Amino acid sequence: MDAALTSKPALRAAISALFTAPDAEFDAHFGALFAPDLDAVVNGEPFDFDHVKANLRNLRAGPKLEVDVLGLVRSGNEYAWRHTVAGDLPDGKKLFVEIFVMGELDAEGRVVKQREGVRFA
C-alpha cells in the first residue's frame, strides 16, 4: 500500500484492482494493501481483515464499478483521501458513493488502521 499512497493515480489503480483483478489475484492485491491485524471502522461499524475482505468480495460479484480518487494527503505513516465509486445497478439505477478515508500504515506499508465515512448520493 505504501507505493499506492504516493499519488492519486497509484491509489486509484490499487483500489480499482480490488474490484477488477482476476479472482486468482484478489488475495494478493488485498494482502498487499491491508495488514492481517487491520482495525477498520466504516460509518461507525467495526471491520476486521476478514470482514473487509468478505465485503470487497461481495462488491466484486456485483456490477462493474469505476473508482475516482479526488484527493490524497499523506504525512509519514498517516494518510487521508477521498474517492468515489460509481456504477450501474442491475435494476437500472445508478450507484454513486463518496468515501472519506483516514488511517495509518504499518511498518510494511499496509493499512493497519482505517476510518471511513461513506455517503450515498
Protein backbone atom coordinates (compact mmCIF):
# COMPACT_ATOMS: atom_id res chain seq x y z
CA MET A 1 0.00 0.00 0.00
CA ASP A 2 2.90 2.33 0.69
CA ALA A 3 3.53 2.76 -3.06
CA ALA A 4 -0.21 3.14 -3.66
CA LEU A 5 -0.25 6.22 -1.45
CA THR A 6 2.35 8.14 -3.45
CA SER A 7 -0.09 9.67 -5.95
CA LYS A 8 -3.77 9.81 -6.84
CA PRO A 9 -3.26 7.65 -9.98
CA ALA A 10 -1.38 4.98 -7.98
CA LEU A 11 -4.09 4.93 -5.32
CA ARG A 12 -6.82 4.71 -7.97
CA ALA A 13 -5.03 1.75 -9.57
CA ALA A 14 -4.70 -0.04 -6.21
CA ILE A 15 -8.36 0.47 -5.28
CA SER A 16 -9.55 -0.44 -8.78
CA ALA A 17 -7.54 -3.67 -8.70
CA LEU A 18 -9.57 -4.77 -5.68
CA PHE A 19 -12.68 -4.64 -7.90
CA THR A 20 -11.26 -5.72 -11.25
CA ALA A 21 -8.31 -8.08 -10.76
CA PRO A 22 -8.92 -11.72 -11.71
CA ASP A 23 -10.24 -13.80 -8.80
CA ALA A 24 -6.95 -15.70 -8.61
CA GLU A 25 -5.11 -12.41 -7.93
CA PHE A 26 -7.56 -10.87 -5.47
CA ASP A 27 -5.94 -12.27 -2.30
CA ALA A 28 -2.51 -11.00 -3.35
CA HIS A 29 -3.84 -7.49 -4.05
CA PHE A 30 -5.81 -7.45 -0.82
CA GLY A 31 -2.88 -8.72 1.28
CA ALA A 32 -0.55 -6.13 -0.24
CA LEU A 33 -2.91 -3.35 0.81
CA PHE A 34 -4.21 -4.46 4.21
CA ALA A 35 -2.37 -5.82 7.28
CA PRO A 36 -3.75 -9.00 8.90
CA ASP A 37 -4.34 -7.06 12.15
CA LEU A 38 -6.43 -4.42 10.34
CA ASP A 39 -8.64 -2.28 12.57
CA ALA A 40 -11.22 -0.57 10.36
CA VAL A 41 -14.41 1.34 11.09
CA VAL A 42 -16.89 2.20 8.34
CA ASN A 43 -19.70 4.60 9.29
CA GLY A 44 -19.26 3.58 12.92
CA GLU A 45 -19.29 -0.18 12.28
CA PRO A 46 -16.10 -2.10 13.14
CA PHE A 47 -14.50 -4.25 10.45
CA ASP A 48 -11.51 -6.58 10.75
CA PHE A 49 -9.31 -8.01 7.96
CA ASP A 50 -11.68 -10.89 7.15
CA HIS A 51 -14.79 -8.69 7.25
CA VAL A 52 -13.27 -6.13 4.85
CA LYS A 53 -12.13 -8.93 2.55
CA ALA A 54 -15.59 -10.53 2.51
CA ASN A 55 -17.22 -7.16 1.87
CA LEU A 56 -14.96 -6.49 -1.11
CA ARG A 57 -15.61 -9.99 -2.49
CA ASN A 58 -19.35 -9.24 -2.37
CA LEU A 59 -18.83 -5.95 -4.20
CA ARG A 60 -16.75 -7.73 -6.87
CA ALA A 61 -19.72 -10.04 -7.56
CA GLY A 62 -21.92 -7.05 -8.43
CA PRO A 63 -21.88 -4.56 -11.28
CA LYS A 64 -18.73 -3.06 -12.77
CA LEU A 65 -17.62 -0.17 -10.57
CA GLU A 66 -15.49 2.82 -11.51
CA VAL A 67 -13.20 4.43 -8.93
CA ASP A 68 -12.03 8.05 -8.99
CA VAL A 69 -9.61 9.41 -6.38
CA LEU A 70 -10.41 13.07 -5.73
CA GLY A 71 -7.83 13.90 -3.08
CA LEU A 72 -4.89 12.38 -1.22
CA VAL A 73 -2.79 13.69 1.67
CA ARG A 74 -0.01 11.78 3.38
CA SER A 75 2.34 12.53 6.26
CA GLY A 76 4.68 9.72 7.29
CA ASN A 77 2.56 6.66 8.02
CA GLU A 78 -0.71 8.65 8.24
CA TYR A 79 -2.97 9.33 5.28
CA ALA A 80 -6.32 10.72 4.20
CA TRP A 81 -8.08 10.51 0.88
CA ARG A 82 -11.45 10.98 -0.75
CA HIS A 83 -12.71 8.82 -3.59
CA THR A 84 -15.91 7.98 -5.41
CA VAL A 85 -17.29 4.69 -6.66
CA ALA A 86 -19.89 4.70 -9.44
CA GLY A 87 -21.68 2.08 -11.50
CA ASP A 88 -24.95 0.85 -12.95
CA LEU A 89 -27.04 -1.45 -10.75
CA PRO A 90 -28.87 -4.48 -12.21
CA ASP A 91 -32.23 -2.71 -11.73
CA GLY A 92 -31.07 0.16 -13.97
CA LYS A 93 -30.44 2.61 -11.12
CA LYS A 94 -27.14 4.44 -10.84
CA LEU A 95 -24.83 3.91 -7.87
CA PHE A 96 -22.69 6.81 -6.69
CA VAL A 97 -20.82 6.67 -3.40
CA GLU A 98 -18.37 9.19 -1.95
CA ILE A 99 -15.92 7.80 0.61
CA PHE A 100 -13.75 9.74 3.05
CA VAL A 101 -10.83 7.71 4.42
CA MET A 102 -8.23 8.32 7.14
CA GLY A 103 -5.75 5.88 8.56
CA GLU A 104 -2.30 4.58 9.38
CA LEU A 105 0.15 2.23 7.69
CA ASP A 106 2.18 -0.46 9.43
CA ALA A 107 5.98 -0.82 9.06
CA GLU A 108 5.46 -2.78 5.82
CA GLY A 109 3.31 -0.03 4.29
CA ARG A 110 -0.03 -1.85 4.64
CA VAL A 111 -3.19 -0.33 6.08
CA VAL A 112 -3.39 -1.26 9.76
CA LYS A 113 -5.90 1.33 10.97
CA GLN A 114 -8.57 2.93 8.81
CA ARG A 115 -11.68 5.00 9.39
CA GLU A 116 -14.19 5.58 6.59
CA GLY A 117 -17.25 7.72 6.16
CA VAL A 118 -19.45 6.70 3.25
CA ARG A 119 -22.02 8.97 1.63
CA PHE A 120 -24.54 7.53 -0.83
CA ALA A 121 -25.82 10.05 -3.36
